[in-house]
Amino acid sequence: MTDTTFRVHPSPVGEILIVASPDGIVTLHPFSGPLDDELAPVAAALHALPSPDHGAGGDIDRQLDEYFAGERQEFDVTLDWRLVNGFRRKALEAVRDIPYAETAGYGEVAIAAGSPGAARAVGTACATTPFSIIVPVHRVVRADGSLGQYGRHPEVKRYLLALERETLGVAVPSGLRA
């Protein structure tokens, strides 16, 4: 038996896999393939397959819906960091401080995480984060301001940044429009 449960929640960026434990959200990320393909690496990392549970993650579905409706700028959730440690965790904690609708470069996040020369490591932390959207790795951009990737789905990154800027009435650069 596992202490983790999962559910899938629909969103404008695709289905979102939510895996939770009694300690908080273990992973939350959009996906577009078969559910079994998404659960397999999670199960391998956790050494157990999460059980389906419509209540996994508490009210995170409401918070996600509010975010996508432009009614929420921060998530009020507890994260279970069991899949993240070391500098990756420091980098993701620094990413959480990037204000809504703003961006920061990988180098800026590295400085905030206490390792000024670790911009590439920040990129790795963002690329491998178990916490998409609720830890806003979509707000981390390249030094030249270009967006870069987002789990091989840069269109999702563009969508999230445009959503946040439109919510605040901030001009959306043409590079963010679909």
N, C-alpha and C. Protein backbone atom coordinates (compact mmCIF):
# COMPACT_ATOMS: atom_id res chain seq x y z
N MET A 1 0.84 -1.19 0.00
CA MET A 1 0.00 0.00 0.00
C MET A 1 0.88 1.24 0.00
N THR A 2 0.41 2.28 -0.67
CA THR A 2 1.16 3.52 -0.77
C THR A 2 0.45 4.63 0.00
N ASP A 3 1.22 5.62 0.41
CA ASP A 3 0.60 6.76 1.08
C ASP A 3 0.26 7.87 0.10
N THR A 4 0.44 7.60 -1.21
CA THR A 4 0.15 8.61 -2.21
C THR A 4 -1.10 8.25 -3.00
N THR A 5 -1.82 9.30 -3.38
CA THR A 5 -3.02 9.15 -4.18
C THR A 5 -2.93 10.10 -5.37
N PHE A 6 -3.78 9.86 -6.37
CA PHE A 6 -3.75 10.73 -7.54
C PHE A 6 -5.15 10.97 -8.07
N ARG A 7 -5.22 12.03 -8.85
CA ARG A 7 -6.41 12.31 -9.66
C ARG A 7 -5.97 13.16 -10.84
N VAL A 8 -6.87 13.30 -11.79
CA VAL A 8 -6.61 14.10 -12.98
C VAL A 8 -7.64 15.22 -13.01
N HIS A 9 -7.17 16.42 -13.31
CA HIS A 9 -8.05 17.58 -13.36
C HIS A 9 -7.91 18.25 -14.72
N PRO A 10 -9.04 18.59 -15.38
CA PRO A 10 -8.95 19.26 -16.69
C PRO A 10 -8.53 20.72 -16.53
N SER A 11 -7.86 21.23 -17.56
CA SER A 11 -7.45 22.63 -17.56
C SER A 11 -7.31 23.11 -18.99
N PRO A 12 -7.15 24.41 -19.19
CA PRO A 12 -6.94 24.94 -20.55
C PRO A 12 -5.63 24.48 -21.19
N VAL A 13 -4.68 23.97 -20.38
CA VAL A 13 -3.40 23.50 -20.93
C VAL A 13 -3.33 21.98 -20.99
N GLY A 14 -4.46 21.33 -20.84
CA GLY A 14 -4.51 19.87 -20.89
C GLY A 14 -4.85 19.29 -19.53
N GLU A 15 -4.89 17.98 -19.49
CA GLU A 15 -5.15 17.30 -18.23
C GLU A 15 -3.99 17.57 -17.27
N ILE A 16 -4.29 17.68 -15.99
CA ILE A 16 -3.25 17.90 -14.97
C ILE A 16 -3.27 16.72 -14.02
N LEU A 17 -2.11 16.07 -13.90
CA LEU A 17 -1.95 14.98 -12.96
C LEU A 17 -1.61 15.57 -11.60
N ILE A 18 -2.38 15.19 -10.60
CA ILE A 18 -2.16 15.64 -9.23
C ILE A 18 -1.87 14.39 -8.39
N VAL A 19 -0.69 14.33 -7.80
CA VAL A 19 -0.33 13.24 -6.90
C VAL A 19 -0.08 13.87 -5.54
N ALA A 20 -0.70 13.32 -4.52
CA ALA A 20 -0.59 13.90 -3.18
C ALA A 20 -0.34 12.81 -2.14
N SER A 21 0.18 13.25 -1.02
CA SER A 21 0.38 12.39 0.15
C SER A 21 -0.22 13.13 1.34
N PRO A 22 -0.21 12.52 2.50
CA PRO A 22 -0.67 13.25 3.68
C PRO A 22 0.17 14.49 3.98
N ASP A 23 1.39 14.56 3.40
CA ASP A 23 2.28 15.70 3.63
C ASP A 23 2.13 16.81 2.60
N GLY A 24 1.31 16.61 1.56
CA GLY A 24 1.09 17.66 0.57
C GLY A 24 1.13 17.14 -0.86
N ILE A 25 1.24 18.08 -1.79
CA ILE A 25 1.32 17.76 -3.21
C ILE A 25 2.70 17.19 -3.50
N VAL A 26 2.75 15.99 -4.09
CA VAL A 26 4.01 15.34 -4.46
C VAL A 26 4.41 15.75 -5.87
N THR A 27 3.45 15.79 -6.76
CA THR A 27 3.69 16.26 -8.11
C THR A 27 2.38 16.76 -8.71
N LEU A 28 2.50 17.76 -9.55
CA LEU A 28 1.37 18.34 -10.25
C LEU A 28 1.90 18.87 -11.56
N HIS A 29 1.41 18.30 -12.66
CA HIS A 29 1.87 18.77 -13.96
C HIS A 29 0.88 18.40 -15.06
N PRO A 30 0.82 19.26 -16.10
CA PRO A 30 -0.04 18.95 -17.24
C PRO A 30 0.56 17.81 -18.06
N PHE A 31 -0.31 17.07 -18.72
CA PHE A 31 0.17 16.01 -19.60
C PHE A 31 -0.81 15.85 -20.75
N SER A 32 -0.35 15.20 -21.82
CA SER A 32 -1.21 15.04 -22.99
C SER A 32 -1.27 13.61 -23.49
N GLY A 33 -0.51 12.73 -22.90
CA GLY A 33 -0.51 11.33 -23.35
C GLY A 33 -1.38 10.47 -22.48
N PRO A 34 -1.25 9.16 -22.63
CA PRO A 34 -2.01 8.23 -21.80
C PRO A 34 -1.65 8.37 -20.31
N LEU A 35 -2.64 8.27 -19.45
CA LEU A 35 -2.43 8.40 -18.01
C LEU A 35 -1.40 7.39 -17.50
N ASP A 36 -1.46 6.16 -17.98
CA ASP A 36 -0.49 5.14 -17.53
C ASP A 36 0.94 5.56 -17.82
N ASP A 37 1.17 6.25 -18.95
CA ASP A 37 2.51 6.73 -19.28
C ASP A 37 2.97 7.82 -18.32
N GLU A 38 2.05 8.60 -17.79
CA GLU A 38 2.38 9.64 -16.81
C GLU A 38 2.62 9.04 -15.42
N LEU A 39 1.84 8.04 -15.08
CA LEU A 39 1.96 7.43 -13.75
C LEU A 39 3.20 6.56 -13.61
N ALA A 40 3.66 5.97 -14.69
CA ALA A 40 4.81 5.05 -14.61
C ALA A 40 6.06 5.68 -14.00
N PRO A 41 6.52 6.86 -14.49
CA PRO A 41 7.71 7.44 -13.87
C PRO A 41 7.47 7.92 -12.43
N VAL A 42 6.25 8.35 -12.15
CA VAL A 42 5.91 8.77 -10.79
C VAL A 42 5.98 7.56 -9.86
N ALA A 43 5.40 6.45 -10.30
CA ALA A 43 5.43 5.22 -9.51
C ALA A 43 6.86 4.74 -9.29
N ALA A 44 7.69 4.85 -10.33
CA ALA A 44 9.10 4.45 -10.19
C ALA A 44 9.82 5.33 -9.17
N ALA A 45 9.59 6.63 -9.22
CA ALA A 45 10.24 7.54 -8.28
C ALA A 45 9.76 7.31 -6.85
N LEU A 46 8.48 6.96 -6.70
CA LEU A 46 7.90 6.76 -5.37
C LEU A 46 8.04 5.31 -4.89
N HIS A 47 8.47 4.43 -5.78
CA HIS A 47 8.56 3.00 -5.47
C HIS A 47 7.20 2.39 -5.14
N ALA A 48 6.16 2.98 -5.64
CA ALA A 48 4.80 2.47 -5.45
C ALA A 48 3.86 3.25 -6.36
N LEU A 49 2.84 2.58 -6.85
CA LEU A 49 1.85 3.23 -7.69
C LEU A 49 0.84 3.98 -6.81
N PRO A 50 0.67 5.28 -7.03
CA PRO A 50 -0.36 6.01 -6.26
C PRO A 50 -1.74 5.42 -6.53
N SER A 51 -2.60 5.51 -5.54
CA SER A 51 -3.98 5.02 -5.67
C SER A 51 -4.87 6.14 -6.18
N PRO A 52 -5.86 5.79 -7.02
CA PRO A 52 -6.79 6.84 -7.47
C PRO A 52 -7.65 7.33 -6.30
N ASP A 53 -7.85 8.64 -6.25
CA ASP A 53 -8.64 9.25 -5.18
C ASP A 53 -9.13 10.60 -5.67
N HIS A 54 -10.43 10.78 -5.79
CA HIS A 54 -11.00 12.05 -6.28
C HIS A 54 -10.69 13.22 -5.35
N GLY A 55 -10.24 12.97 -4.15
CA GLY A 55 -9.91 14.04 -3.22
C GLY A 55 -8.42 14.32 -3.11
N ALA A 56 -7.60 13.66 -3.93
CA ALA A 56 -6.15 13.85 -3.85
C ALA A 56 -5.79 15.33 -4.00
N GLY A 57 -5.03 15.84 -3.08
CA GLY A 57 -4.59 17.23 -3.15
C GLY A 57 -5.56 18.24 -2.58
N GLY A 58 -6.61 17.78 -1.94
CA GLY A 58 -7.55 18.71 -1.31
C GLY A 58 -8.23 19.62 -2.31
N ASP A 59 -8.20 20.92 -2.05
CA ASP A 59 -8.91 21.86 -2.91
C ASP A 59 -8.06 22.42 -4.04
N ILE A 60 -7.00 21.72 -4.41
CA ILE A 60 -6.13 22.23 -5.47
C ILE A 60 -6.88 22.40 -6.78
N ASP A 61 -7.90 21.57 -7.03
CA ASP A 61 -8.68 21.74 -8.25
C ASP A 61 -9.36 23.11 -8.29
N ARG A 62 -9.92 23.53 -7.16
CA ARG A 62 -10.56 24.85 -7.08
C ARG A 62 -9.51 25.95 -7.31
N GLN A 63 -8.35 25.79 -6.69
CA GLN A 63 -7.30 26.79 -6.85
C GLN A 63 -6.81 26.86 -8.29
N LEU A 64 -6.67 25.71 -8.94
CA LEU A 64 -6.26 25.71 -10.35
C LEU A 64 -7.31 26.41 -11.21
N ASP A 65 -8.58 26.09 -10.97
CA ASP A 65 -9.66 26.73 -11.74
C ASP A 65 -9.64 28.24 -11.53
N GLU A 66 -9.41 28.69 -10.30
CA GLU A 66 -9.33 30.12 -10.02
C GLU A 66 -8.14 30.75 -10.73
N TYR A 67 -7.01 30.06 -10.75
CA TYR A 67 -5.82 30.57 -11.44
C TYR A 67 -6.13 30.75 -12.93
N PHE A 68 -6.69 29.72 -13.55
CA PHE A 68 -6.96 29.80 -14.98
C PHE A 68 -8.06 30.79 -15.31
N ALA A 69 -8.90 31.13 -14.35
CA ALA A 69 -9.94 32.15 -14.54
C ALA A 69 -9.40 33.55 -14.26
N GLY A 70 -8.13 33.66 -13.86
CA GLY A 70 -7.55 34.96 -13.55
C GLY A 70 -7.93 35.48 -12.18
N GLU A 71 -8.41 34.62 -11.31
CA GLU A 71 -8.87 35.02 -9.98
C GLU A 71 -7.88 34.69 -8.86
N ARG A 72 -6.79 34.01 -9.18
CA ARG A 72 -5.81 33.60 -8.16
C ARG A 72 -4.41 33.86 -8.70
N GLN A 73 -3.58 34.48 -7.87
CA GLN A 73 -2.21 34.75 -8.26
C GLN A 73 -1.20 33.89 -7.52
N GLU A 74 -1.58 33.33 -6.40
CA GLU A 74 -0.69 32.46 -5.62
C GLU A 74 -1.46 31.23 -5.19
N PHE A 75 -0.75 30.13 -5.06
CA PHE A 75 -1.37 28.90 -4.60
C PHE A 75 -1.11 28.71 -3.12
N ASP A 76 -2.14 28.29 -2.43
CA ASP A 76 -2.04 28.04 -1.00
C ASP A 76 -2.08 26.52 -0.79
N VAL A 77 -0.96 25.89 -1.05
CA VAL A 77 -0.86 24.44 -0.92
C VAL A 77 0.43 24.09 -0.19
N THR A 78 0.40 22.94 0.44
CA THR A 78 1.61 22.40 1.06
C THR A 78 2.25 21.46 0.05
N LEU A 79 3.54 21.61 -0.13
CA LEU A 79 4.26 20.74 -1.06
C LEU A 79 4.99 19.65 -0.29
N ASP A 80 4.93 18.46 -0.81
CA ASP A 80 5.69 17.32 -0.30
C ASP A 80 6.93 17.23 -1.18
N TRP A 81 8.07 17.62 -0.66
CA TRP A 81 9.30 17.75 -1.41
C TRP A 81 10.06 16.44 -1.57
N ARG A 82 9.46 15.30 -1.33
CA ARG A 82 10.18 14.02 -1.33
C ARG A 82 10.91 13.72 -2.63
N LEU A 83 10.49 14.27 -3.74
CA LEU A 83 11.14 14.00 -5.03
C LEU A 83 12.17 15.06 -5.40
N VAL A 84 12.41 16.01 -4.52
CA VAL A 84 13.32 17.12 -4.82
C VAL A 84 14.25 17.33 -3.62
N ASN A 85 15.55 17.47 -3.90
CA ASN A 85 16.47 17.76 -2.80
C ASN A 85 17.63 18.61 -3.30
N GLY A 86 18.51 18.95 -2.39
CA GLY A 86 19.71 19.69 -2.73
C GLY A 86 19.43 21.02 -3.42
N PHE A 87 20.28 21.33 -4.40
CA PHE A 87 20.16 22.60 -5.09
C PHE A 87 18.85 22.70 -5.88
N ARG A 88 18.36 21.59 -6.40
CA ARG A 88 17.09 21.63 -7.13
C ARG A 88 16.01 22.23 -6.24
N ARG A 89 15.98 21.83 -4.98
CA ARG A 89 14.96 22.38 -4.08
C ARG A 89 15.20 23.86 -3.83
N LYS A 90 16.45 24.24 -3.60
CA LYS A 90 16.74 25.66 -3.39
C LYS A 90 16.32 26.50 -4.59
N ALA A 91 16.60 25.97 -5.78
CA ALA A 91 16.23 26.70 -7.00
C ALA A 91 14.71 26.83 -7.12
N LEU A 92 13.99 25.75 -6.87
CA LEU A 92 12.52 25.81 -6.99
C LEU A 92 11.92 26.69 -5.90
N GLU A 93 12.51 26.71 -4.73
CA GLU A 93 12.03 27.62 -3.69
C GLU A 93 12.25 29.07 -4.11
N ALA A 94 13.37 29.34 -4.78
CA ALA A 94 13.63 30.70 -5.29
C ALA A 94 12.64 31.06 -6.40
N VAL A 95 12.29 30.10 -7.23
CA VAL A 95 11.32 30.34 -8.30
C VAL A 95 9.97 30.76 -7.71
N ARG A 96 9.62 30.19 -6.58
CA ARG A 96 8.34 30.54 -5.94
C ARG A 96 8.24 32.02 -5.60
N ASP A 97 9.39 32.70 -5.51
CA ASP A 97 9.40 34.12 -5.16
C ASP A 97 9.26 35.05 -6.37
N ILE A 98 9.23 34.50 -7.59
CA ILE A 98 9.07 35.34 -8.77
C ILE A 98 7.62 35.83 -8.79
N PRO A 99 7.42 37.14 -8.79
CA PRO A 99 6.05 37.67 -8.75
C PRO A 99 5.21 37.25 -9.95
N TYR A 100 3.93 37.17 -9.71
CA TYR A 100 2.93 36.86 -10.73
C TYR A 100 3.10 37.79 -11.92
N ALA A 101 3.07 37.22 -13.12
CA ALA A 101 3.15 37.94 -14.39
C ALA A 101 4.53 38.53 -14.68
N GLU A 102 5.51 38.23 -13.85
CA GLU A 102 6.87 38.71 -14.10
C GLU A 102 7.75 37.52 -14.45
N THR A 103 8.95 37.80 -14.94
CA THR A 103 9.89 36.74 -15.27
C THR A 103 11.24 37.04 -14.63
N ALA A 104 12.05 36.01 -14.52
CA ALA A 104 13.43 36.13 -14.06
C ALA A 104 14.28 35.19 -14.89
N GLY A 105 15.52 35.57 -15.08
CA GLY A 105 16.43 34.72 -15.83
C GLY A 105 16.97 33.59 -14.98
N TYR A 106 17.46 32.56 -15.64
CA TYR A 106 18.04 31.43 -14.92
C TYR A 106 19.16 31.89 -14.00
N GLY A 107 19.97 32.84 -14.46
CA GLY A 107 21.06 33.36 -13.64
C GLY A 107 20.55 34.11 -12.42
N GLU A 108 19.47 34.86 -12.58
CA GLU A 108 18.87 35.57 -11.44
C GLU A 108 18.36 34.59 -10.39
N VAL A 109 17.74 33.51 -10.86
CA VAL A 109 17.25 32.50 -9.92
C VAL A 109 18.42 31.83 -9.21
N ALA A 110 19.51 31.58 -9.94
CA ALA A 110 20.69 30.97 -9.33
C ALA A 110 21.23 31.85 -8.21
N ILE A 111 21.27 33.14 -8.44
CA ILE A 111 21.73 34.08 -7.41
C ILE A 111 20.79 34.03 -6.21
N ALA A 112 19.48 34.06 -6.46
CA ALA A 112 18.49 34.01 -5.38
C ALA A 112 18.59 32.70 -4.59
N ALA A 113 19.01 31.62 -5.26
CA ALA A 113 19.13 30.32 -4.61
C ALA A 113 20.48 30.16 -3.91
N GLY A 114 21.33 31.18 -4.00
CA GLY A 114 22.60 31.16 -3.28
C GLY A 114 23.78 30.57 -4.04
N SER A 115 23.62 30.34 -5.34
CA SER A 115 24.71 29.79 -6.16
C SER A 115 24.78 30.55 -7.48
N PRO A 116 25.44 31.73 -7.46
CA PRO A 116 25.45 32.61 -8.63
C PRO A 116 25.91 31.97 -9.95
N GLY A 117 26.74 30.96 -9.91
CA GLY A 117 27.22 30.35 -11.15
C GLY A 117 26.40 29.16 -11.61
N ALA A 118 25.26 28.94 -11.04
CA ALA A 118 24.51 27.71 -11.30
C ALA A 118 23.29 27.89 -12.19
N ALA A 119 23.39 28.76 -13.19
CA ALA A 119 22.25 29.00 -14.08
C ALA A 119 21.81 27.72 -14.78
N ARG A 120 22.76 26.91 -15.23
CA ARG A 120 22.39 25.65 -15.90
C ARG A 120 21.69 24.70 -14.94
N ALA A 121 22.14 24.68 -13.70
CA ALA A 121 21.49 23.82 -12.70
C ALA A 121 20.06 24.29 -12.43
N VAL A 122 19.83 25.60 -12.50
CA VAL A 122 18.47 26.12 -12.37
C VAL A 122 17.63 25.61 -13.55
N GLY A 123 18.20 25.62 -14.73
CA GLY A 123 17.50 25.09 -15.90
C GLY A 123 17.11 23.64 -15.70
N THR A 124 18.02 22.86 -15.14
CA THR A 124 17.72 21.45 -14.87
C THR A 124 16.62 21.33 -13.82
N ALA A 125 16.68 22.15 -12.79
CA ALA A 125 15.64 22.11 -11.75
C ALA A 125 14.28 22.45 -12.33
N CYS A 126 14.23 23.45 -13.19
CA CYS A 126 12.96 23.84 -13.82
C CYS A 126 12.46 22.75 -14.76
N ALA A 127 13.38 22.16 -15.53
CA ALA A 127 12.99 21.12 -16.49
C ALA A 127 12.50 19.85 -15.81
N THR A 128 12.97 19.60 -14.60
CA THR A 128 12.63 18.35 -13.92
C THR A 128 11.72 18.57 -12.71
N THR A 129 11.16 19.76 -12.59
CA THR A 129 10.30 20.03 -11.43
C THR A 129 9.10 19.09 -11.38
N PRO A 130 8.75 18.61 -10.22
CA PRO A 130 7.51 17.87 -10.11
C PRO A 130 6.31 18.80 -9.93
N PHE A 131 6.57 20.09 -9.77
CA PHE A 131 5.51 21.05 -9.43
C PHE A 131 5.34 22.11 -10.52
N SER A 132 4.72 21.77 -11.62
CA SER A 132 4.43 22.77 -12.65
C SER A 132 3.26 23.63 -12.19
N ILE A 133 3.22 24.82 -12.67
CA ILE A 133 2.17 25.81 -12.44
C ILE A 133 2.19 26.30 -10.98
N ILE A 134 2.06 25.41 -9.99
CA ILE A 134 2.02 25.86 -8.60
C ILE A 134 3.38 26.34 -8.11
N VAL A 135 4.47 25.86 -8.70
CA VAL A 135 5.79 26.47 -8.58
C VAL A 135 6.04 27.02 -9.98
N PRO A 136 6.02 28.33 -10.15
CA PRO A 136 5.91 28.93 -11.49
C PRO A 136 7.19 28.90 -12.33
N VAL A 137 7.64 27.72 -12.68
CA VAL A 137 8.84 27.62 -13.51
C VAL A 137 8.62 28.23 -14.89
N HIS A 138 7.35 28.44 -15.26
CA HIS A 138 7.07 29.11 -16.54
C HIS A 138 7.53 30.57 -16.52
N ARG A 139 7.81 31.11 -15.35
CA ARG A 139 8.27 32.50 -15.23
C ARG A 139 9.79 32.63 -15.37
N VAL A 140 10.49 31.53 -15.55
CA VAL A 140 11.94 31.56 -15.70
C VAL A 140 12.28 31.54 -17.18
N VAL A 141 13.08 32.53 -17.60
CA VAL A 141 13.41 32.70 -19.01
C VAL A 141 14.92 32.74 -19.20
N ARG A 142 15.32 32.67 -20.45
CA ARG A 142 16.74 32.74 -20.79
C ARG A 142 17.27 34.16 -20.56
N ALA A 143 18.57 34.28 -20.49
CA ALA A 143 19.21 35.58 -20.23
C ALA A 143 18.83 36.63 -21.28
N ASP A 144 18.60 36.20 -22.52
CA ASP A 144 18.24 37.15 -23.57
C ASP A 144 16.75 37.48 -23.59
N GLY A 145 16.00 36.92 -22.63
CA GLY A 145 14.57 37.19 -22.53
C GLY A 145 13.71 36.21 -23.30
N SER A 146 14.33 35.35 -24.12
CA SER A 146 13.52 34.36 -24.84
C SER A 146 13.01 33.31 -23.86
N LEU A 147 11.90 32.68 -24.23
CA LEU A 147 11.21 31.81 -23.29
C LEU A 147 11.91 30.51 -22.98
N GLY A 148 12.49 29.88 -23.97
CA GLY A 148 13.04 28.55 -23.74
C GLY A 148 11.93 27.51 -23.71
N GLN A 149 12.27 26.35 -23.27
CA GLN A 149 11.33 25.22 -23.29
C GLN A 149 10.47 25.19 -22.02
N TYR A 150 9.51 24.28 -22.04
CA TYR A 150 8.66 24.04 -20.87
C TYR A 150 8.17 22.61 -21.01
N GLY A 151 9.06 21.68 -20.65
CA GLY A 151 8.72 20.28 -20.80
C GLY A 151 8.37 19.92 -22.23
N ARG A 152 9.10 20.42 -23.18
CA ARG A 152 8.87 20.23 -24.61
C ARG A 152 7.55 20.86 -25.07
N HIS A 153 7.00 21.75 -24.26
CA HIS A 153 5.73 22.41 -24.63
C HIS A 153 5.83 23.91 -24.39
N PRO A 154 6.64 24.61 -25.20
CA PRO A 154 6.77 26.06 -25.00
C PRO A 154 5.45 26.80 -25.17
N GLU A 155 4.50 26.21 -25.90
CA GLU A 155 3.19 26.86 -26.07
C GLU A 155 2.46 26.96 -24.73
N VAL A 156 2.69 26.02 -23.82
CA VAL A 156 2.08 26.09 -22.49
C VAL A 156 2.71 27.24 -21.70
N LYS A 157 4.02 27.37 -21.81
CA LYS A 157 4.72 28.47 -21.12
C LYS A 157 4.20 29.81 -21.63
N ARG A 158 4.08 29.94 -22.95
CA ARG A 158 3.54 31.19 -23.53
C ARG A 158 2.13 31.45 -23.01
N TYR A 159 1.31 30.42 -22.98
CA TYR A 159 -0.08 30.57 -22.52
C TYR A 159 -0.13 31.06 -21.08
N LEU A 160 0.66 30.43 -20.20
CA LEU A 160 0.62 30.80 -18.78
C LEU A 160 1.11 32.22 -18.55
N LEU A 161 2.18 32.61 -19.23
CA LEU A 161 2.68 33.98 -19.08
C LEU A 161 1.69 34.99 -19.65
N ALA A 162 1.09 34.69 -20.79
CA ALA A 162 0.10 35.60 -21.37
C ALA A 162 -1.12 35.71 -20.46
N LEU A 163 -1.57 34.59 -19.92
CA LEU A 163 -2.71 34.59 -18.99
C LEU A 163 -2.44 35.52 -17.81
N GLU A 164 -1.28 35.39 -17.21
CA GLU A 164 -0.96 36.21 -16.04
C GLU A 164 -0.90 37.69 -16.41
N ARG A 165 -0.28 37.99 -17.52
CA ARG A 165 -0.16 39.40 -17.91
C ARG A 165 -1.51 39.99 -18.29
N GLU A 166 -2.31 39.23 -18.99
CA GLU A 166 -3.65 39.71 -19.36
C GLU A 166 -4.51 39.92 -18.12
N THR A 167 -4.37 39.05 -17.14
CA THR A 167 -5.13 39.17 -15.89
C THR A 167 -4.83 40.50 -15.21
N LEU A 168 -3.58 40.93 -15.25
CA LEU A 168 -3.18 42.18 -14.61
C LEU A 168 -3.33 43.38 -15.54
N GLY A 169 -3.73 43.13 -16.78
CA GLY A 169 -3.85 44.23 -17.73
C GLY A 169 -2.52 44.74 -18.22
N VAL A 170 -1.50 43.90 -18.14
CA VAL A 170 -0.16 44.26 -18.60
C VAL A 170 -0.05 43.89 -20.07
N ALA A 171 0.63 44.69 -20.84
CA ALA A 171 0.80 44.40 -22.26
C ALA A 171 1.45 43.04 -22.45
N VAL A 172 0.92 42.28 -23.38
CA VAL A 172 1.43 40.96 -23.69
C VAL A 172 2.32 41.08 -24.93
N PRO A 173 3.63 40.84 -24.78
CA PRO A 173 4.52 40.93 -25.94
C PRO A 173 4.07 39.97 -27.04
N SER A 174 4.33 40.33 -28.29
CA SER A 174 3.88 39.50 -29.41
C SER A 174 4.45 38.10 -29.33
N GLY A 175 5.61 37.92 -28.72
CA GLY A 175 6.21 36.59 -28.59
C GLY A 175 5.44 35.67 -27.67
N LEU A 176 4.52 36.22 -26.87
CA LEU A 176 3.72 35.40 -25.96
C LEU A 176 2.37 35.05 -26.54
N ARG A 177 1.99 35.73 -27.61
CA ARG A 177 0.68 35.44 -28.19
C ARG A 177 0.76 34.16 -29.01
N ALA A 178 -0.29 33.38 -28.93
CA ALA A 178 -0.32 32.09 -29.66
C ALA A 178 -0.46 32.32 -31.15
